[in-house]
């Protein structure tokens, strides 16, 4: 029992709550800053990946085959280069609610 009392009263390794609060606050701020930088890098890499996929050239050309009694014409497709940013540049917002849609013109009265 004497040993437990000595351990209970021992303050040699005691951490003050104010010190713990300051260290925790600094760690949270550092973690938020670091995660923000990681997020920005991931978004940038996704953008680069999307542009790389958009730049894949899928053009092909097959020449025709001519035999003694039959012939098959060839086929070709030319893929044009495009940028993912160009596809989204001219998008317009969609009007989800049009108040005039619910008005019946036959029931309108003039003031």
C-alpha atoms as a PDB file:
ATOM      1  CA  UNK A   1       0.000   0.000   0.000  1.00  0.00           C
ATOM      2  CA  UNK A   2       2.897   2.298   0.762  1.00  0.00           C
ATOM      3  CA  UNK A   3       4.208   1.764  -2.778  1.00  0.00           C
ATOM      4  CA  UNK A   4       0.883   2.837  -4.344  1.00  0.00           C
ATOM      5  CA  UNK A   5       0.803   5.968  -2.186  1.00  0.00           C
ATOM      6  CA  UNK A   6       4.331   6.882  -3.328  1.00  0.00           C
ATOM      7  CA  UNK A   7       3.322   6.430  -6.990  1.00  0.00           C
ATOM      8  CA  UNK A   8       0.157   8.459  -6.474  1.00  0.00           C
ATOM      9  CA  UNK A   9       2.036  11.370  -4.919  1.00  0.00           C
ATOM     10  CA  UNK A  10       4.929  11.272  -7.398  1.00  0.00           C
ATOM     11  CA  UNK A  11       4.886  14.319  -9.718  1.00  0.00           C
ATOM     12  CA  UNK A  12       8.189  13.811 -11.493  1.00  0.00           C
ATOM     13  CA  UNK A  13       6.638  13.085 -14.912  1.00  0.00           C
ATOM     14  CA  UNK A  14       3.557  15.304 -14.589  1.00  0.00           C
ATOM     15  CA  UNK A  15       2.533  17.185 -17.755  1.00  0.00           C
ATOM     16  CA  UNK A  16       0.759  20.488 -17.339  1.00  0.00           C
ATOM     17  CA  UNK A  17      -2.505  20.765 -19.247  1.00  0.00           C
ATOM     18  CA  UNK A  18      -1.495  24.168 -20.663  1.00  0.00           C
ATOM     19  CA  UNK A  19       1.624  22.655 -22.228  1.00  0.00           C
ATOM     20  CA  UNK A  20      -0.428  19.830 -23.670  1.00  0.00           C
ATOM     21  CA  UNK A  21      -2.944  22.316 -25.095  1.00  0.00           C
ATOM     22  CA  UNK A  22      -0.236  24.396 -26.787  1.00  0.00           C
ATOM     23  CA  UNK A  23       1.478  21.365 -28.307  1.00  0.00           C
ATOM     24  CA  UNK A  24      -1.830  19.942 -29.515  1.00  0.00           C
ATOM     25  CA  UNK A  25      -2.845  23.270 -31.050  1.00  0.00           C
ATOM     26  CA  UNK A  26       0.455  23.554 -32.897  1.00  0.00           C
ATOM     27  CA  UNK A  27       0.115  19.994 -34.191  1.00  0.00           C
ATOM     28  CA  UNK A  28      -3.437  20.623 -35.436  1.00  0.00           C
ATOM     29  CA  UNK A  29      -2.379  23.765 -37.298  1.00  0.00           C
ATOM     30  CA  UNK A  30       0.590  21.954 -38.864  1.00  0.00           C
ATOM     31  CA  UNK A  31      -1.614  19.013 -39.839  1.00  0.00           C
ATOM     32  CA  UNK A  32      -4.222  21.274 -41.479  1.00  0.00           C
ATOM     33  CA  UNK A  33      -1.535  23.107 -43.448  1.00  0.00           C
ATOM     34  CA  UNK A  34       0.088  19.881 -44.572  1.00  0.00           C
ATOM     35  CA  UNK A  35      -3.189  18.288 -45.639  1.00  0.00           C
ATOM     36  CA  UNK A  36      -4.107  21.405 -47.618  1.00  0.00           C
ATOM     37  CA  UNK A  37      -0.832  21.165 -49.537  1.00  0.00           C
ATOM     38  CA  UNK A  38      -1.426  17.455 -50.187  1.00  0.00           C
ATOM     39  CA  UNK A  39      -4.953  18.185 -51.437  1.00  0.00           C
ATOM     40  CA  UNK A  40      -3.697  20.812 -53.884  1.00  0.00           C
ATOM     41  CA  UNK A  41      -1.067  18.433 -55.267  1.00  0.00           C
ATOM     42  CA  UNK A  42      -3.609  15.632 -55.720  1.00  0.00           C
ATOM     43  CA  UNK A  43      -6.034  17.938 -57.554  1.00  0.00           C
ATOM     44  CA  UNK A  44      -3.197  19.096 -59.809  1.00  0.00           C
ATOM     45  CA  UNK A  45      -2.202  15.522 -60.612  1.00  0.00           C
ATOM     46  CA  UNK A  46      -5.801  14.610 -61.446  1.00  0.00           C
ATOM     47  CA  UNK A  47      -5.892  17.579 -63.841  1.00  0.00           C
ATOM     48  CA  UNK A  48      -2.666  16.460 -65.491  1.00  0.00           C
ATOM     49  CA  UNK A  49      -3.988  12.913 -65.778  1.00  0.00           C
ATOM     50  CA  UNK A  50      -7.237  14.140 -67.360  1.00  0.00           C
ATOM     51  CA  UNK A  51      -5.305  16.179 -69.940  1.00  0.00           C
ATOM     52  CA  UNK A  52      -3.089  13.180 -70.701  1.00  0.00           C
ATOM     53  CA  UNK A  53      -6.119  10.961 -71.285  1.00  0.00           C
ATOM     54  CA  UNK A  54      -7.636  13.664 -73.492  1.00  0.00           C
ATOM     55  CA  UNK A  55      -4.489  13.825 -75.605  1.00  0.00           C
ATOM     56  CA  UNK A  56      -4.464  10.125 -76.499  1.00  0.00           C
ATOM     57  CA  UNK A  57      -4.599   9.875 -80.259  1.00  0.00           C
ATOM     58  CA  UNK A  58      -7.040   7.228 -81.435  1.00  0.00           C
ATOM     59  CA  UNK A  59      -6.559   7.786 -85.162  1.00  0.00           C
ATOM     60  CA  UNK A  60      -6.341   4.769 -87.402  1.00  0.00           C
ATOM     61  CA  UNK A  61      -6.183   3.931 -91.087  1.00  0.00           C
ATOM     62  CA  UNK A  62      -6.778   0.614 -92.829  1.00  0.00           C
ATOM     63  CA  UNK A  63      -6.056   0.402 -96.527  1.00  0.00           C
ATOM     64  CA  UNK A  64      -8.405  -1.461 -98.835  1.00  0.00           C
ATOM     65  CA  UNK A  65      -7.762  -5.034 -99.945  1.00  0.00           C
ATOM     66  CA  UNK A  66      -8.139  -6.032-103.579  1.00  0.00           C
ATOM     67  CA  UNK A  67      -8.267  -9.667-104.558  1.00  0.00           C
ATOM     68  CA  UNK A  68      -8.982 -11.433-107.850  1.00  0.00           C
ATOM     69  CA  UNK A  69     -12.765 -11.475-107.471  1.00  0.00           C
ATOM     70  CA  UNK A  70     -13.479  -9.211-104.506  1.00  0.00           C
ATOM     71  CA  UNK A  71     -12.444  -5.933-102.983  1.00  0.00           C
ATOM     72  CA  UNK A  72     -12.896  -4.352 -99.584  1.00  0.00           C
ATOM     73  CA  UNK A  73     -12.600  -0.629 -99.165  1.00  0.00           C
ATOM     74  CA  UNK A  74     -10.436   0.818 -96.452  1.00  0.00           C
ATOM     75  CA  UNK A  75     -11.418   2.795 -93.396  1.00  0.00           C
ATOM     76  CA  UNK A  76      -9.893   5.710 -91.542  1.00  0.00           C
ATOM     77  CA  UNK A  77     -10.578   7.929 -88.565  1.00  0.00           C
ATOM     78  CA  UNK A  78      -8.678  11.045 -87.621  1.00  0.00           C
ATOM     79  CA  UNK A  79      -8.822  12.040 -83.966  1.00  0.00           C
ATOM     80  CA  UNK A  80      -8.401  15.743 -83.281  1.00  0.00           C
ATOM     81  CA  UNK A  81      -6.383  16.993 -80.334  1.00  0.00           C
ATOM     82  CA  UNK A  82      -8.440  18.555 -77.562  1.00  0.00           C
ATOM     83  CA  UNK A  83      -7.899  19.940 -74.130  1.00  0.00           C
ATOM     84  CA  UNK A  84     -10.138  19.007 -71.199  1.00  0.00           C
ATOM     85  CA  UNK A  85     -10.313  22.684 -70.253  1.00  0.00           C
ATOM     86  CA  UNK A  86     -11.777  23.506 -73.682  1.00  0.00           C
ATOM     87  CA  UNK A  87     -14.633  21.054 -73.126  1.00  0.00           C
ATOM     88  CA  UNK A  88     -15.770  22.752 -69.929  1.00  0.00           C
ATOM     89  CA  UNK A  89     -15.057  26.370 -70.928  1.00  0.00           C
ATOM     90  CA  UNK A  90     -18.398  27.041 -72.631  1.00  0.00           C
ATOM     91  CA  UNK A  91     -20.710  25.257 -70.211  1.00  0.00           C
ATOM     92  CA  UNK A  92     -23.653  27.325 -69.048  1.00  0.00           C
ATOM     93  CA  UNK A  93     -25.517  26.778 -65.762  1.00  0.00           C
ATOM     94  CA  UNK A  94     -28.794  24.917 -66.057  1.00  0.00           C
ATOM     95  CA  UNK A  95     -31.885  26.634 -64.724  1.00  0.00           C
ATOM     96  CA  UNK A  96     -33.359  24.018 -62.424  1.00  0.00           C
ATOM     97  CA  UNK A  97     -36.454  25.986 -61.509  1.00  0.00           C
ATOM     98  CA  UNK A  98     -38.394  28.108 -63.960  1.00  0.00           C
ATOM     99  CA  UNK A  99     -41.242  29.939 -62.181  1.00  0.00           C
ATOM    100  CA  UNK A 100     -43.095  30.528 -65.471  1.00  0.00           C
ATOM    101  CA  UNK A 101     -43.329  26.789 -66.026  1.00  0.00           C
ATOM    102  CA  UNK A 102     -46.093  26.426 -63.420  1.00  0.00           C
ATOM    103  CA  UNK A 103     -48.217  29.317 -64.718  1.00  0.00           C
ATOM    104  CA  UNK A 104     -51.123  28.330 -66.952  1.00  0.00           C
ATOM    105  CA  UNK A 105     -51.591  31.124 -69.539  1.00  0.00           C
ATOM    106  CA  UNK A 106     -55.332  30.411 -69.865  1.00  0.00           C
ATOM    107  CA  UNK A 107     -55.958  31.216 -66.170  1.00  0.00           C
ATOM    108  CA  UNK A 108     -53.986  34.461 -66.021  1.00  0.00           C
ATOM    109  CA  UNK A 109     -55.968  37.609 -65.379  1.00  0.00           C
ATOM    110  CA  UNK A 110     -54.815  41.088 -66.254  1.00  0.00           C
ATOM    111  CA  UNK A 111     -54.663  43.669 -63.451  1.00  0.00           C
END
